[in-house]
Amino acid sequence: MKLPSAVQDPGGDIVLPRRLRSDQVDYEAELAVVIGRRCHNVTREEALDYVLGYTCGNDVSARDWQLQWGGGQWCRGKTFATF
């Protein structure tokens, strides 16, 4: 899961925030699932009814924020604006 602010336009720049000061920013290709409507407590049988589509994603991470300052929580290194 990514925050809406982490989504970037195709071909848009990935901007490293000044406060980030990270030497450990990396990226990887991911399959992204686009959820098309609000859902809560969806059963396995209903799950695909909520999928709008699939696309490719460039998953960028600041590993030091994730591992050192985030206590191992992946969301700390993946929820900056533009990544």
Protein backbone atom coordinates (compact mmCIF):
# COMPACT_ATOMS: atom_id res chain seq x y z
CA MET A 1 0.00 0.00 0.00
CA LYS A 2 1.23 3.46 -0.88
CA LEU A 3 -0.08 6.87 0.09
CA PRO A 4 -1.73 8.75 -2.78
CA SER A 5 1.05 11.38 -2.52
CA ALA A 6 3.61 8.69 -3.40
CA VAL A 7 2.10 8.11 -6.84
CA GLN A 8 3.99 9.86 -9.64
CA ASP A 9 3.05 10.64 -13.24
CA PRO A 10 4.56 8.35 -15.88
CA GLY A 11 7.94 9.83 -16.78
CA GLY A 12 7.80 12.22 -13.82
CA ASP A 13 10.84 12.91 -11.68
CA ILE A 14 11.39 11.11 -8.40
CA VAL A 15 12.39 13.86 -5.99
CA LEU A 16 14.52 13.08 -2.94
CA PRO A 17 13.50 15.42 -0.11
CA ARG A 18 16.28 17.54 1.40
CA ARG A 19 15.62 16.10 4.84
CA LEU A 20 16.06 12.59 3.49
CA ARG A 21 19.87 12.71 3.15
CA SER A 22 19.99 9.06 2.16
CA ASP A 23 22.74 7.10 0.42
CA GLN A 24 20.56 4.01 0.31
CA VAL A 25 17.78 4.84 -2.14
CA ASP A 26 16.99 1.98 -4.49
CA TYR A 27 14.23 0.89 -6.82
CA GLU A 28 12.58 -2.22 -8.16
CA ALA A 29 9.88 -3.03 -10.70
CA GLU A 30 6.59 -4.20 -9.23
CA LEU A 31 3.21 -5.35 -10.45
CA ALA A 32 0.72 -2.76 -9.18
CA VAL A 33 -2.92 -3.60 -8.54
CA VAL A 34 -5.31 -0.66 -8.91
CA ILE A 35 -8.33 -0.82 -6.61
CA GLY A 36 -11.29 0.86 -8.30
CA ARG A 37 -13.65 1.52 -5.40
CA ARG A 38 -13.82 1.62 -1.63
CA CYS A 39 -13.85 -1.73 0.06
CA HIS A 40 -13.81 -3.14 3.57
CA ASN A 41 -14.00 -6.72 4.85
CA VAL A 42 -14.12 -8.10 1.31
CA THR A 43 -14.26 -11.86 0.97
CA ARG A 44 -11.77 -13.75 -1.15
CA GLU A 45 -14.54 -14.56 -3.62
CA GLU A 46 -15.42 -10.84 -4.02
CA ALA A 47 -11.88 -9.48 -4.16
CA LEU A 48 -11.46 -9.30 -7.93
CA ASP A 49 -14.72 -7.31 -8.20
CA TYR A 50 -12.82 -4.38 -6.67
CA VAL A 51 -9.79 -4.52 -8.97
CA LEU A 52 -9.88 -1.80 -11.63
CA GLY A 53 -6.74 -2.99 -13.37
CA TYR A 54 -3.05 -3.79 -13.25
CA THR A 55 0.00 -1.77 -14.21
CA CYS A 56 3.77 -1.63 -13.74
CA GLY A 57 5.19 0.28 -10.81
CA ASN A 58 8.61 1.67 -9.93
CA ASP A 59 8.86 0.96 -6.21
CA VAL A 60 11.45 3.33 -4.71
CA SER A 61 12.74 2.86 -1.15
CA ALA A 62 15.00 4.77 1.21
CA ARG A 63 16.44 1.72 2.95
CA ASP A 64 18.14 3.57 5.82
CA TRP A 65 14.83 5.26 6.74
CA GLN A 66 13.16 1.88 6.55
CA LEU A 67 15.70 -0.16 8.50
CA GLN A 68 17.48 2.23 10.89
CA TRP A 69 14.99 4.95 11.73
CA GLY A 70 11.79 3.11 10.93
CA GLY A 71 12.41 0.11 13.15
CA GLY A 72 12.16 -2.21 10.16
CA GLN A 73 8.80 -0.88 9.06
CA TRP A 74 8.82 -0.71 5.27
CA CYS A 75 6.34 2.18 5.13
CA ARG A 76 8.90 4.57 6.69
CA GLY A 77 11.14 4.28 3.65
CA LYS A 78 8.45 4.25 0.98
CA THR A 79 6.00 7.05 1.74
CA PHE A 80 7.72 10.23 0.62
CA ALA A 81 6.10 12.52 -1.94
CA THR A 82 6.86 11.06 -5.41
CA PHE A 83 7.93 7.65 -4.01
